[in-house]
C-alpha atoms as a PDB file:
ATOM      1  CA  UNK A   1      -0.125   9.232 -10.390  1.00  0.00           C
ATOM      2  CA  UNK A   2      -2.954   8.366 -13.105  1.00  0.00           C
ATOM      3  CA  UNK A   3      -5.529   6.261 -11.053  1.00  0.00           C
ATOM      4  CA  UNK A   4      -5.859   2.741 -12.239  1.00  0.00           C
ATOM      5  CA  UNK A   5      -9.265   3.296 -13.874  1.00  0.00           C
ATOM      6  CA  UNK A   6      -7.611   6.343 -16.150  1.00  0.00           C
ATOM      7  CA  UNK A   7      -4.768   3.947 -18.032  1.00  0.00           C
ATOM      8  CA  UNK A   8      -4.924   1.447 -20.197  1.00  0.00           C
ATOM      9  CA  UNK A   9      -2.828  -1.384 -19.644  1.00  0.00           C
ATOM     10  CA  UNK A  10      -3.575  -2.901 -22.482  1.00  0.00           C
ATOM     11  CA  UNK A  11      -1.227  -0.561 -23.940  1.00  0.00           C
ATOM     12  CA  UNK A  12       1.207  -0.893 -21.384  1.00  0.00           C
ATOM     13  CA  UNK A  13       4.870  -2.775 -21.767  1.00  0.00           C
ATOM     14  CA  UNK A  14       6.212  -4.867 -19.616  1.00  0.00           C
ATOM     15  CA  UNK A  15       9.200  -2.162 -18.020  1.00  0.00           C
ATOM     16  CA  UNK A  16       5.761   0.134 -17.497  1.00  0.00           C
ATOM     17  CA  UNK A  17       4.604  -2.631 -15.158  1.00  0.00           C
ATOM     18  CA  UNK A  18       7.284  -3.261 -13.163  1.00  0.00           C
ATOM     19  CA  UNK A  19       7.296   0.947 -12.912  1.00  0.00           C
ATOM     20  CA  UNK A  20       3.986   1.047 -11.882  1.00  0.00           C
ATOM     21  CA  UNK A  21       4.532  -2.225  -9.740  1.00  0.00           C
ATOM     22  CA  UNK A  22       6.471  -0.389  -7.890  1.00  0.00           C
ATOM     23  CA  UNK A  23       5.199   2.381  -6.993  1.00  0.00           C
ATOM     24  CA  UNK A  24       2.008   0.732  -5.750  1.00  0.00           C
ATOM     25  CA  UNK A  25       4.225  -1.519  -3.760  1.00  0.00           C
ATOM     26  CA  UNK A  26       6.018   1.480  -2.885  1.00  0.00           C
ATOM     27  CA  UNK A  27       2.488   3.808  -1.729  1.00  0.00           C
ATOM     28  CA  UNK A  28       1.258   0.124  -0.437  1.00  0.00           C
ATOM     29  CA  UNK A  29       4.358  -0.050   2.449  1.00  0.00           C
ATOM     30  CA  UNK A  30       3.917   3.236   3.540  1.00  0.00           C
ATOM     31  CA  UNK A  31       0.123   3.023   4.398  1.00  0.00           C
ATOM     32  CA  UNK A  32       1.424  -0.334   6.440  1.00  0.00           C
ATOM     33  CA  UNK A  33       3.691   2.198   8.668  1.00  0.00           C
ATOM     34  CA  UNK A  34       1.223   4.546   9.248  1.00  0.00           C
ATOM     35  CA  UNK A  35      -1.312   2.197  10.048  1.00  0.00           C
ATOM     36  CA  UNK A  36       0.928   0.332  11.872  1.00  0.00           C
ATOM     37  CA  UNK A  37       1.706   4.188  13.704  1.00  0.00           C
ATOM     38  CA  UNK A  38      -2.177   4.236  13.975  1.00  0.00           C
ATOM     39  CA  UNK A  39      -2.580   1.051  15.662  1.00  0.00           C
ATOM     40  CA  UNK A  40       0.540   1.814  18.391  1.00  0.00           C
ATOM     41  CA  UNK A  41      -1.773   5.470  19.226  1.00  0.00           C
ATOM     42  CA  UNK A  42      -5.304   3.784  19.784  1.00  0.00           C
ATOM     43  CA  UNK A  43      -6.576   5.576  16.069  1.00  0.00           C
ATOM     44  CA  UNK A  44      -8.386   2.324  15.048  1.00  0.00           C
ATOM     45  CA  UNK A  45     -10.968   3.754  12.066  1.00  0.00           C
ATOM     46  CA  UNK A  46      -7.720   5.721  10.967  1.00  0.00           C
ATOM     47  CA  UNK A  47      -5.095   2.838  10.874  1.00  0.00           C
ATOM     48  CA  UNK A  48      -8.123   0.576   9.471  1.00  0.00           C
ATOM     49  CA  UNK A  49      -7.880   3.339   7.149  1.00  0.00           C
ATOM     50  CA  UNK A  50      -4.766   2.731   6.010  1.00  0.00           C
ATOM     51  CA  UNK A  51      -4.178  -0.993   6.121  1.00  0.00           C
ATOM     52  CA  UNK A  52      -7.339  -1.217   3.408  1.00  0.00           C
ATOM     53  CA  UNK A  53      -5.344   1.906   0.807  1.00  0.00           C
ATOM     54  CA  UNK A  54      -2.211  -0.702   2.088  1.00  0.00           C
ATOM     55  CA  UNK A  55      -5.052  -3.761   0.294  1.00  0.00           C
ATOM     56  CA  UNK A  56      -5.457  -1.517  -2.537  1.00  0.00           C
ATOM     57  CA  UNK A  57      -2.319  -1.043  -3.318  1.00  0.00           C
ATOM     58  CA  UNK A  58      -0.525  -4.190  -3.090  1.00  0.00           C
ATOM     59  CA  UNK A  59      -3.544  -6.059  -5.019  1.00  0.00           C
ATOM     60  CA  UNK A  60      -2.937  -2.594  -8.517  1.00  0.00           C
ATOM     61  CA  UNK A  61       0.508  -4.337  -7.773  1.00  0.00           C
ATOM     62  CA  UNK A  62       0.115  -8.010  -8.218  1.00  0.00           C
ATOM     63  CA  UNK A  63      -2.032  -7.103 -11.074  1.00  0.00           C
ATOM     64  CA  UNK A  64       0.525  -5.058 -12.867  1.00  0.00           C
ATOM     65  CA  UNK A  65       3.685  -7.878 -11.351  1.00  0.00           C
ATOM     66  CA  UNK A  66       0.742 -10.719 -13.374  1.00  0.00           C
ATOM     67  CA  UNK A  67       0.140  -8.311 -16.544  1.00  0.00           C
ATOM     68  CA  UNK A  68       4.215  -7.945 -17.213  1.00  0.00           C
ATOM     69  CA  UNK A  69       4.579 -11.480 -16.702  1.00  0.00           C
ATOM     70  CA  UNK A  70       1.517 -12.302 -19.074  1.00  0.00           C
ATOM     71  CA  UNK A  71       3.066  -9.361 -21.809  1.00  0.00           C
ATOM     72  CA  UNK A  72       6.377 -11.261 -21.452  1.00  0.00           C
ATOM     73  CA  UNK A  73       5.513 -15.046 -22.428  1.00  0.00           C
ATOM     74  CA  UNK A  74       3.399 -14.025 -24.824  1.00  0.00           C
ATOM     75  CA  UNK A  75       6.721 -12.063 -26.599  1.00  0.00           C
ATOM     76  CA  UNK A  76       9.389 -14.835 -25.507  1.00  0.00           C
ATOM     77  CA  UNK A  77       7.120 -17.421 -24.741  1.00  0.00           C
ATOM     78  CA  UNK A  78       8.462 -20.379 -22.057  1.00  0.00           C
ATOM     79  CA  UNK A  79      12.028 -20.929 -22.956  1.00  0.00           C
ATOM     80  CA  UNK A  80      13.845 -24.030 -21.526  1.00  0.00           C
END
């Protein structure tokens, strides 16, 4: 997976943002599960690392969600 800094988000289409958001949510879930296992085993340092990684993926997912919504609104406007 390409890191966020390597991508030009301005050229991405809304559907690409949704795909990226989904991938980040999946990665966040993996890190949350691993953090839970580490806390249960008493490895708090590793747990904190995974929790921090999960947070980063969640933040990246939210950025893509917001960008997809912004681009959708710019293209289609608000319908009533």
